[in-house]
Amino acid sequence: MEQLLVIEDEKDIRETLQDILELAGYKVLTAKNGKEGYDAIIFHQPALVLCDVNMPELNGFELLGAINQRLKNENIPPFIFLTAKVEKQDIRTGMNLGADDYILKPYNHNEVLKIIRLRLDKRQKLLKVGNTSTAIKAFDKLALPCDDGLELVSFDKIIKCQADRAYCNFYLSDNRKILVSKPMKEFEQTLINKHFLKVHKSTIVNIKFVEKFVRGKGGHLLMADGSLVTVSVRKKEELMTLLKPKN
């Protein structure tokens, strides 16, 4: 399920867009200003962003500019601006920043869904043909807040993520452990979209680092770093299917 982000300061518009998109089958995150939207893009890496232009904290242009500066144009999803009016200068400003489209208010719901699908399909086509631009390659990395800022970590270097009360730990293949001051659920959907598996309420693993399944009522996984991970009974069948050798 593709995850979209709606950034809109007007509550009625924000909730209406959320309802429309969820009914269309998307998972939807929302933010009520540019600052919340900035944090959501950094930490959740949505597949697409719908963003109002005129907002408190950061307006749409300032937000996209800040994202460009922070991520160096490497991790930016398709960006669609929502606005009540469009001047030529505004269009030029948005496009120079990397905006993909504009939708005028009041908008037609079918038009919104059509534009979103068009932009998501275009992104998928680029991924399928192996586009090597930095904007695409960065989706192979997860943004993790660290003591000295933000670190972009390749998904293929993450062995597992484990909950630690209100925090979580990421264990990496270079023997590092990164403590993140956010709960595991904040990263769960992003990891699952990258073919990780939640094997227990407190653990998500990268299947490629599984060395062995140790049988039991639920069972345990021996990971490449030598650790043992508990597997819940209800996840055992799904796990065995994934680990089964392909002919």
Protein backbone atom coordinates (compact mmCIF):
# COMPACT_ATOMS: atom_id res chain seq x y z
CA MET A 1 0.00 0.00 0.00
CA GLU A 2 1.50 3.33 -1.09
CA GLN A 3 1.88 5.94 1.62
CA LEU A 4 1.02 9.56 0.81
CA LEU A 5 1.50 12.73 2.84
CA VAL A 6 -1.06 15.57 2.90
CA ILE A 7 0.25 18.90 4.23
CA GLU A 8 -2.62 21.37 4.66
CA ASP A 9 -3.32 23.91 7.41
CA GLU A 10 -7.11 23.98 6.86
CA LYS A 11 -8.55 21.10 8.87
CA ASP A 12 -11.63 20.51 6.68
CA ILE A 13 -9.58 20.33 3.49
CA ARG A 14 -6.94 18.14 5.14
CA GLU A 15 -9.50 15.65 6.46
CA THR A 16 -11.45 15.61 3.17
CA LEU A 17 -8.28 14.80 1.22
CA GLN A 18 -7.42 12.09 3.73
CA ASP A 19 -10.86 10.50 3.31
CA ILE A 20 -10.65 10.63 -0.50
CA LEU A 21 -7.20 9.07 -0.62
CA GLU A 22 -7.94 6.36 1.96
CA LEU A 23 -11.09 5.37 0.08
CA ALA A 24 -8.91 5.08 -3.04
CA GLY A 25 -6.70 2.57 -1.21
CA TYR A 26 -3.77 4.71 -0.08
CA LYS A 27 -2.22 4.91 3.38
CA VAL A 28 -2.33 8.59 4.37
CA LEU A 29 -0.19 10.69 6.71
CA THR A 30 -1.22 14.28 7.46
CA ALA A 31 0.51 17.44 8.69
CA LYS A 32 -1.09 20.79 9.55
CA ASN A 33 1.87 23.03 8.73
CA GLY A 34 5.17 23.10 6.92
CA LYS A 35 7.25 22.18 9.95
CA GLU A 36 5.19 19.04 10.64
CA GLY A 37 5.36 18.24 6.93
CA TYR A 38 9.15 18.57 6.94
CA ASP A 39 9.47 16.10 9.82
CA ALA A 40 7.04 13.65 8.14
CA ILE A 41 9.02 13.67 4.87
CA ILE A 42 12.32 13.13 6.67
CA PHE A 43 11.15 10.31 8.91
CA HIS A 44 8.46 8.54 6.83
CA GLN A 45 9.66 9.03 3.23
CA PRO A 46 6.17 9.02 1.66
CA ALA A 47 5.68 7.92 -1.94
CA LEU A 48 4.12 11.30 -2.82
CA VAL A 49 3.38 14.65 -1.14
CA LEU A 50 0.29 16.84 -1.58
CA CYS A 51 1.21 20.25 -0.14
CA ASP A 52 -0.63 23.54 0.32
CA VAL A 53 1.36 26.60 -0.76
CA ASN A 54 0.21 29.11 1.87
CA MET A 55 0.80 27.69 5.37
CA PRO A 56 2.15 28.78 8.76
CA GLU A 57 5.62 27.78 10.04
CA LEU A 58 6.92 27.09 6.52
CA ASN A 59 4.97 27.74 3.31
CA GLY A 60 5.04 25.14 0.55
CA PHE A 61 7.94 26.71 -1.35
CA GLU A 62 10.00 27.17 1.81
CA LEU A 63 9.28 23.56 2.78
CA LEU A 64 10.41 22.13 -0.56
CA GLY A 65 13.48 24.38 -0.48
CA ALA A 66 14.33 23.14 3.02
CA ILE A 67 13.89 19.51 1.93
CA ASN A 68 16.16 20.12 -1.06
CA GLN A 69 18.81 21.63 1.19
CA ARG A 70 18.62 18.93 3.88
CA LEU A 71 18.56 15.94 1.56
CA LYS A 72 20.57 17.44 -1.31
CA ASN A 73 17.84 16.49 -3.81
CA GLU A 74 18.46 12.81 -3.01
CA ASN A 75 15.37 11.69 -1.20
CA ILE A 76 12.47 13.76 -2.48
CA PRO A 77 9.15 12.12 -3.46
CA PRO A 78 6.88 13.58 -6.17
CA PHE A 79 5.65 16.95 -4.86
CA ILE A 80 2.21 18.32 -5.87
CA PHE A 81 1.22 21.80 -4.72
CA LEU A 82 -2.36 22.74 -3.76
CA THR A 83 -3.21 26.41 -4.21
CA ALA A 84 -6.17 28.77 -4.64
CA LYS A 85 -4.40 30.77 -7.33
CA VAL A 86 -1.38 30.35 -9.56
CA GLU A 87 0.71 33.22 -10.84
CA LYS A 88 3.33 32.61 -13.50
CA GLN A 89 6.05 33.54 -11.02
CA ASP A 90 4.67 31.03 -8.49
CA ILE A 91 4.70 28.26 -11.09
CA ARG A 92 8.26 29.13 -12.03
CA THR A 93 9.34 29.17 -8.37
CA GLY A 94 7.75 25.80 -7.66
CA MET A 95 9.11 24.12 -10.76
CA ASN A 96 12.61 25.47 -10.11
CA LEU A 97 12.43 23.86 -6.68
CA GLY A 98 11.40 20.53 -8.20
CA ALA A 99 7.58 20.55 -7.89
CA ASP A 100 5.89 17.99 -10.15
CA ASP A 101 2.44 19.55 -10.52
CA TYR A 102 -0.13 22.10 -9.29
CA ILE A 103 -3.77 21.47 -8.38
CA LEU A 104 -6.06 24.49 -8.15
CA LYS A 105 -8.59 24.92 -5.33
CA PRO A 106 -11.47 24.18 -5.43
CA TYR A 107 -10.40 20.91 -7.01
CA ASN A 108 -12.23 17.96 -8.53
CA HIS A 109 -11.70 14.76 -6.52
CA ASN A 110 -11.29 12.64 -9.65
CA GLU A 111 -8.72 15.08 -10.98
CA VAL A 112 -6.70 14.81 -7.77
CA LEU A 113 -6.69 11.01 -7.93
CA LYS A 114 -5.79 11.04 -11.63
CA ILE A 115 -2.79 13.34 -11.11
CA ILE A 116 -1.59 11.33 -8.11
CA ARG A 117 -1.80 8.06 -10.03
CA LEU A 118 0.01 9.62 -12.99
CA ARG A 119 2.91 10.78 -10.80
CA LEU A 120 3.15 7.50 -8.88
CA ASP A 121 3.09 5.47 -12.10
CA LYS A 122 5.85 7.62 -13.55
CA ARG A 123 7.98 7.02 -10.47
CA GLN A 124 7.36 3.26 -10.66
CA LYS A 125 8.41 3.18 -14.31
CA LEU A 126 11.67 4.91 -13.41
CA LEU A 127 12.29 2.36 -10.69
CA LYS A 128 11.57 -0.57 -13.01
CA VAL A 129 14.01 0.53 -15.67
CA GLY A 130 16.71 0.95 -13.06
CA ASN A 131 17.02 4.73 -13.18
CA THR A 132 20.25 5.60 -11.35
CA SER A 133 19.55 9.24 -10.57
CA THR A 134 20.14 10.26 -6.97
CA ALA A 135 16.45 11.01 -6.51
CA ILE A 136 15.66 7.34 -7.10
CA LYS A 137 18.69 5.81 -5.41
CA ALA A 138 17.93 7.61 -2.16
CA PHE A 139 14.76 5.56 -1.72
CA ASP A 140 17.13 2.70 -0.85
CA LYS A 141 18.05 4.59 2.31
CA LEU A 142 16.28 5.24 5.59
CA ALA A 143 16.68 8.56 7.38
CA LEU A 144 17.56 7.94 11.04
CA PRO A 145 17.87 10.77 13.57
CA CYS A 146 21.22 10.54 15.38
CA ASP A 147 22.92 12.56 18.12
CA ASP A 148 24.71 14.72 15.57
CA GLY A 149 21.86 15.10 13.07
CA LEU A 150 20.41 12.75 10.48
CA GLU A 151 22.02 9.67 8.95
CA LEU A 152 20.85 8.06 5.72
CA VAL A 153 21.29 4.30 6.12
CA SER A 154 20.96 1.85 3.23
CA PHE A 155 18.15 -0.63 3.74
CA ASP A 156 20.43 -3.46 2.66
CA LYS A 157 22.69 -2.72 5.66
CA ILE A 158 19.91 -2.98 8.24
CA ILE A 159 19.82 -6.38 9.95
CA LYS A 160 16.88 -5.69 12.24
CA CYS A 161 14.93 -3.06 14.12
CA GLN A 162 13.87 -3.75 17.71
CA ALA A 163 11.53 -1.81 19.96
CA ASP A 164 12.99 -0.38 23.16
CA ARG A 165 10.00 1.09 25.04
CA ALA A 166 9.34 4.49 23.45
CA TYR A 167 12.56 4.17 21.40
CA CYS A 168 13.95 1.60 18.98
CA ASN A 169 17.34 0.22 17.97
CA PHE A 170 18.61 -0.37 14.45
CA TYR A 171 21.29 -3.06 14.13
CA LEU A 172 23.53 -2.68 11.08
CA SER A 173 25.78 -5.03 9.15
CA ASP A 174 28.86 -2.95 10.07
CA ASN A 175 28.28 -3.97 13.73
CA ARG A 176 26.83 -0.60 14.68
CA LYS A 177 23.68 -0.05 16.71
CA ILE A 178 21.75 3.20 16.29
CA LEU A 179 19.36 4.20 19.06
CA VAL A 180 16.49 6.24 17.64
CA SER A 181 14.28 8.34 19.91
CA LYS A 182 11.11 7.30 18.09
CA PRO A 183 8.97 4.16 18.49
CA MET A 184 9.41 1.26 16.07
CA LYS A 185 5.92 1.82 14.63
CA GLU A 186 7.19 5.07 13.07
CA PHE A 187 9.37 3.01 10.71
CA GLU A 188 7.27 -0.16 10.40
CA GLN A 189 5.42 0.54 7.15
CA THR A 190 8.51 1.90 5.42
CA LEU A 191 10.50 -1.24 6.30
CA ILE A 192 7.69 -3.58 5.29
CA ASN A 193 7.45 -1.78 1.95
CA LYS A 194 11.13 -2.66 1.52
CA HIS A 195 10.37 -6.37 2.09
CA PHE A 196 11.33 -6.55 5.75
CA LEU A 197 9.15 -8.77 7.95
CA LYS A 198 7.72 -8.05 11.38
CA VAL A 199 8.32 -11.38 13.14
CA HIS A 200 7.32 -10.25 16.61
CA LYS A 201 5.55 -7.24 18.12
CA SER A 202 8.97 -5.89 19.08
CA THR A 203 11.11 -6.92 16.08
CA ILE A 204 11.31 -6.33 12.33
CA VAL A 205 13.99 -8.22 10.40
CA ASN A 206 15.71 -8.07 7.04
CA ILE A 207 15.13 -11.56 5.63
CA LYS A 208 18.44 -11.58 3.76
CA PHE A 209 20.31 -11.60 7.09
CA VAL A 210 18.53 -14.70 8.43
CA GLU A 211 21.04 -17.55 8.85
CA LYS A 212 18.78 -20.22 10.29
CA PHE A 213 15.31 -20.86 11.66
CA VAL A 214 15.33 -22.63 15.04
CA ARG A 215 12.10 -24.59 15.47
CA GLY A 216 9.86 -24.32 18.50
CA LYS A 217 6.29 -23.31 19.36
CA GLY A 218 6.97 -20.03 17.67
CA GLY A 219 10.63 -20.33 16.96
CA HIS A 220 13.73 -18.21 16.76
CA LEU A 221 15.86 -16.77 13.99
CA LEU A 222 19.63 -16.89 14.06
CA MET A 223 20.71 -13.63 12.42
CA ALA A 224 23.95 -12.87 10.58
CA ASP A 225 25.25 -10.88 13.56
CA GLY A 226 24.88 -13.95 15.81
CA SER A 227 21.78 -12.70 17.62
CA LEU A 228 18.63 -14.74 18.21
CA VAL A 229 15.27 -13.19 17.36
CA THR A 230 11.97 -14.50 18.74
CA VAL A 231 9.28 -15.37 16.18
CA SER A 232 5.61 -15.15 17.19
CA VAL A 233 3.40 -18.17 16.46
CA ARG A 234 1.17 -16.24 14.05
CA LYS A 235 4.18 -15.10 12.00
CA LYS A 236 5.77 -18.54 11.72
CA GLU A 237 3.88 -19.69 8.60
CA GLU A 238 4.56 -16.46 6.69
CA LEU A 239 8.21 -16.63 7.64
CA MET A 240 8.61 -20.24 6.53
CA THR A 241 7.09 -19.36 3.15
CA LEU A 242 9.60 -16.55 2.67
CA LEU A 243 12.54 -18.73 3.71
CA LYS A 244 11.51 -21.67 1.51
CA PRO A 245 14.05 -22.17 -1.32
CA LYS A 246 12.75 -21.14 -4.75
CA ASN A 247 12.99 -23.70 -7.54
